[in-house]
Amino acid sequence: MIGRRPELDDLDREIRDHIDAETEDNIARGMPADAAREAAVRRFGNAVKIKEDAALICAVGDGMLESCGVSAKIFSAVADVGANVELISEGASDIALNFMVGGSKAVDVVRRLHELYIGA
């Protein structure tokens, strides 16, 4: 199972609670729900959009970014489980490839990658 540091969960919860409270205030002032949420997010940090239900996965291996076809194999595994790659980020070194998928598909993606690369 993929784990997150507890302090990140706390921060995430605090941000969501703040935005939810601001959204409720906006609705109470007569704004439609969608506009109220958008205004609350903008007020929080002038964010253009917050991506909800997302997971960042990091594939790590020595020299993997120098090996032909590794990224294709990883992203094919993502497609195998019906997930979509929503963001790709190469780390500062050549041992990590970071990508984002929908949170509901994260466990399936990690399991598929383990099957391909670890055999478990």
C-alpha atoms as a PDB file:
ATOM      1  CA  MET A   1       0.000   0.000   0.000  1.00  0.00           C
ATOM      2  CA  ILE A   2       1.171   3.502  -0.742  1.00  0.00           C
ATOM      3  CA  GLY A   3       1.772   5.564   2.382  1.00  0.00           C
ATOM      4  CA  ARG A   4       1.833   9.276   3.029  1.00  0.00           C
ATOM      5  CA  ARG A   5       3.466  11.124   5.859  1.00  0.00           C
ATOM      6  CA  PRO A   6       0.850  11.978   8.526  1.00  0.00           C
ATOM      7  CA  GLU A   7       1.745  15.666   8.467  1.00  0.00           C
ATOM      8  CA  LEU A   8       0.854  15.793   4.752  1.00  0.00           C
ATOM      9  CA  ASP A   9      -2.516  14.247   5.517  1.00  0.00           C
ATOM     10  CA  ASP A  10      -3.059  16.846   8.258  1.00  0.00           C
ATOM     11  CA  LEU A  11      -2.090  19.695   5.928  1.00  0.00           C
ATOM     12  CA  ASP A  12      -4.302  18.337   3.156  1.00  0.00           C
ATOM     13  CA  ARG A  13      -7.226  18.052   5.574  1.00  0.00           C
ATOM     14  CA  GLU A  14      -6.665  21.583   6.875  1.00  0.00           C
ATOM     15  CA  ILE A  15      -6.568  23.066   3.366  1.00  0.00           C
ATOM     16  CA  ARG A  16      -9.708  21.180   2.325  1.00  0.00           C
ATOM     17  CA  ASP A  17     -11.519  22.234   5.524  1.00  0.00           C
ATOM     18  CA  HIS A  18     -10.591  25.873   4.924  1.00  0.00           C
ATOM     19  CA  ILE A  19     -11.775  25.778   1.311  1.00  0.00           C
ATOM     20  CA  ASP A  20     -14.974  23.930   2.288  1.00  0.00           C
ATOM     21  CA  ALA A  21     -15.774  26.522   4.981  1.00  0.00           C
ATOM     22  CA  GLU A  22     -15.141  29.390   2.562  1.00  0.00           C
ATOM     23  CA  THR A  23     -17.310  27.653  -0.045  1.00  0.00           C
ATOM     24  CA  GLU A  24     -20.170  27.324   2.444  1.00  0.00           C
ATOM     25  CA  ASP A  25     -19.852  31.019   3.324  1.00  0.00           C
ATOM     26  CA  ASN A  26     -19.993  31.930  -0.367  1.00  0.00           C
ATOM     27  CA  ILE A  27     -23.095  29.791  -0.904  1.00  0.00           C
ATOM     28  CA  ALA A  28     -24.733  31.415   2.135  1.00  0.00           C
ATOM     29  CA  ARG A  29     -24.076  34.775   0.438  1.00  0.00           C
ATOM     30  CA  GLY A  30     -26.031  33.565  -2.603  1.00  0.00           C
ATOM     31  CA  MET A  31     -23.338  32.232  -4.943  1.00  0.00           C
ATOM     32  CA  PRO A  32     -24.015  29.085  -6.989  1.00  0.00           C
ATOM     33  CA  ALA A  33     -22.084  26.059  -5.640  1.00  0.00           C
ATOM     34  CA  ASP A  34     -19.561  25.829  -8.513  1.00  0.00           C
ATOM     35  CA  ALA A  35     -18.771  29.544  -8.437  1.00  0.00           C
ATOM     36  CA  ALA A  36     -18.591  29.462  -4.628  1.00  0.00           C
ATOM     37  CA  ARG A  37     -15.978  26.682  -4.688  1.00  0.00           C
ATOM     38  CA  GLU A  38     -13.946  28.390  -7.415  1.00  0.00           C
ATOM     39  CA  ALA A  39     -13.959  31.679  -5.470  1.00  0.00           C
ATOM     40  CA  ALA A  40     -12.908  29.871  -2.277  1.00  0.00           C
ATOM     41  CA  VAL A  41      -9.971  28.219  -4.040  1.00  0.00           C
ATOM     42  CA  ARG A  42      -8.895  31.530  -5.598  1.00  0.00           C
ATOM     43  CA  ARG A  43      -9.103  33.296  -2.243  1.00  0.00           C
ATOM     44  CA  PHE A  44      -7.079  30.571  -0.560  1.00  0.00           C
ATOM     45  CA  GLY A  45      -4.065  31.042  -2.769  1.00  0.00           C
ATOM     46  CA  ASN A  46      -5.155  32.369  -6.118  1.00  0.00           C
ATOM     47  CA  ALA A  47      -4.846  28.830  -7.431  1.00  0.00           C
ATOM     48  CA  VAL A  48      -6.016  28.259 -10.974  1.00  0.00           C
ATOM     49  CA  LYS A  49      -7.206  24.737 -10.221  1.00  0.00           C
ATOM     50  CA  ILE A  50      -6.742  22.129  -7.527  1.00  0.00           C
ATOM     51  CA  LYS A  51      -6.478  18.570  -8.760  1.00  0.00           C
ATOM     52  CA  GLU A  52      -8.373  16.303  -6.417  1.00  0.00           C
ATOM     53  CA  ASP A  53      -8.169  12.521  -6.265  1.00  0.00           C
ATOM     54  CA  ALA A  54      -4.627  12.324  -7.626  1.00  0.00           C
ATOM     55  CA  ALA A  55      -1.593  10.244  -6.721  1.00  0.00           C
ATOM     56  CA  LEU A  56       2.072  10.848  -7.461  1.00  0.00           C
ATOM     57  CA  ILE A  57       3.975   7.655  -8.213  1.00  0.00           C
ATOM     58  CA  CYS A  58       7.750   7.472  -8.381  1.00  0.00           C
ATOM     59  CA  ALA A  59       9.410   4.658 -10.330  1.00  0.00           C
ATOM     60  CA  VAL A  60      13.026   4.271  -9.187  1.00  0.00           C
ATOM     61  CA  GLY A  61      15.902   2.274 -10.672  1.00  0.00           C
ATOM     62  CA  ASP A  62      19.581   2.731 -11.432  1.00  0.00           C
ATOM     63  CA  GLY A  63      20.105   4.135 -14.936  1.00  0.00           C
ATOM     64  CA  MET A  64      16.482   3.561 -15.880  1.00  0.00           C
ATOM     65  CA  LEU A  65      16.137   6.811 -17.791  1.00  0.00           C
ATOM     66  CA  GLU A  66      19.124   5.894 -19.930  1.00  0.00           C
ATOM     67  CA  SER A  67      17.634   2.519 -20.891  1.00  0.00           C
ATOM     68  CA  CYS A  68      15.549   2.533 -24.065  1.00  0.00           C
ATOM     69  CA  GLY A  69      11.905   1.646 -23.596  1.00  0.00           C
ATOM     70  CA  VAL A  70      11.658   1.844 -19.796  1.00  0.00           C
ATOM     71  CA  SER A  71       9.274   4.807 -19.811  1.00  0.00           C
ATOM     72  CA  ALA A  72       7.154   3.147 -22.506  1.00  0.00           C
ATOM     73  CA  LYS A  73       6.935  -0.028 -20.424  1.00  0.00           C
ATOM     74  CA  ILE A  74       5.961   1.945 -17.311  1.00  0.00           C
ATOM     75  CA  PHE A  75       3.294   3.958 -19.104  1.00  0.00           C
ATOM     76  CA  SER A  76       1.966   0.840 -20.856  1.00  0.00           C
ATOM     77  CA  ALA A  77       1.513  -0.682 -17.393  1.00  0.00           C
ATOM     78  CA  VAL A  78      -0.479   2.407 -16.396  1.00  0.00           C
ATOM     79  CA  ALA A  79      -2.718   1.931 -19.434  1.00  0.00           C
ATOM     80  CA  ASP A  80      -3.058  -1.803 -18.690  1.00  0.00           C
ATOM     81  CA  VAL A  81      -5.042  -0.983 -15.545  1.00  0.00           C
ATOM     82  CA  GLY A  82      -7.140   1.687 -17.239  1.00  0.00           C
ATOM     83  CA  ALA A  83      -5.363   4.655 -15.680  1.00  0.00           C
ATOM     84  CA  ASN A  84      -4.247   7.824 -17.411  1.00  0.00           C
ATOM     85  CA  VAL A  85      -0.920   9.595 -16.884  1.00  0.00           C
ATOM     86  CA  GLU A  86      -1.872  13.155 -15.958  1.00  0.00           C
ATOM     87  CA  LEU A  87       1.607  14.564 -15.290  1.00  0.00           C
ATOM     88  CA  ILE A  88       5.186  13.423 -15.933  1.00  0.00           C
ATOM     89  CA  SER A  89       8.228  14.718 -14.075  1.00  0.00           C
ATOM     90  CA  GLU A  90      11.785  13.486 -14.349  1.00  0.00           C
ATOM     91  CA  GLY A  91      13.689  13.827 -11.104  1.00  0.00           C
ATOM     92  CA  ALA A  92      16.979  15.638 -10.661  1.00  0.00           C
ATOM     93  CA  SER A  93      18.832  12.356 -11.086  1.00  0.00           C
ATOM     94  CA  ASP A  94      18.560   9.613 -13.674  1.00  0.00           C
ATOM     95  CA  ILE A  95      17.128   7.060 -11.250  1.00  0.00           C
ATOM     96  CA  ALA A  96      13.577   8.372 -10.860  1.00  0.00           C
ATOM     97  CA  LEU A  97      10.565   8.934 -13.061  1.00  0.00           C
ATOM     98  CA  ASN A  98       7.621  10.616 -11.331  1.00  0.00           C
ATOM     99  CA  PHE A  99       4.110  10.633 -12.730  1.00  0.00           C
ATOM    100  CA  MET A 100       0.611  11.383 -11.549  1.00  0.00           C
ATOM    101  CA  VAL A 101      -2.492   9.246 -11.987  1.00  0.00           C
ATOM    102  CA  GLY A 102      -6.012   9.425 -10.625  1.00  0.00           C
ATOM    103  CA  GLY A 103      -6.022   8.497  -6.952  1.00  0.00           C
ATOM    104  CA  SER A 104      -8.581   5.740  -7.430  1.00  0.00           C
ATOM    105  CA  LYS A 105      -6.179   3.927  -9.805  1.00  0.00           C
ATOM    106  CA  ALA A 106      -2.949   4.395  -7.806  1.00  0.00           C
ATOM    107  CA  VAL A 107      -2.943   1.028  -6.034  1.00  0.00           C
ATOM    108  CA  ASP A 108      -3.711  -0.795  -9.294  1.00  0.00           C
ATOM    109  CA  VAL A 109      -0.844   1.004 -11.049  1.00  0.00           C
ATOM    110  CA  VAL A 110       1.648   0.227  -8.281  1.00  0.00           C
ATOM    111  CA  ARG A 111       0.562  -3.425  -8.188  1.00  0.00           C
ATOM    112  CA  ARG A 112       1.013  -3.700 -11.960  1.00  0.00           C
ATOM    113  CA  LEU A 113       4.470  -2.098 -11.793  1.00  0.00           C
ATOM    114  CA  HIS A 114       5.450  -4.516  -9.021  1.00  0.00           C
ATOM    115  CA  GLU A 115       4.297  -7.428 -11.185  1.00  0.00           C
ATOM    116  CA  LEU A 116       6.452  -6.206 -14.082  1.00  0.00           C
ATOM    117  CA  TYR A 117       9.586  -5.209 -12.219  1.00  0.00           C
ATOM    118  CA  ILE A 118       9.628  -7.097  -8.939  1.00  0.00           C
ATOM    119  CA  GLY A 119       7.515 -10.116  -9.758  1.00  0.00           C
ATOM    120  CA  ALA A 120       5.240  -9.705  -6.744  1.00  0.00           C
END
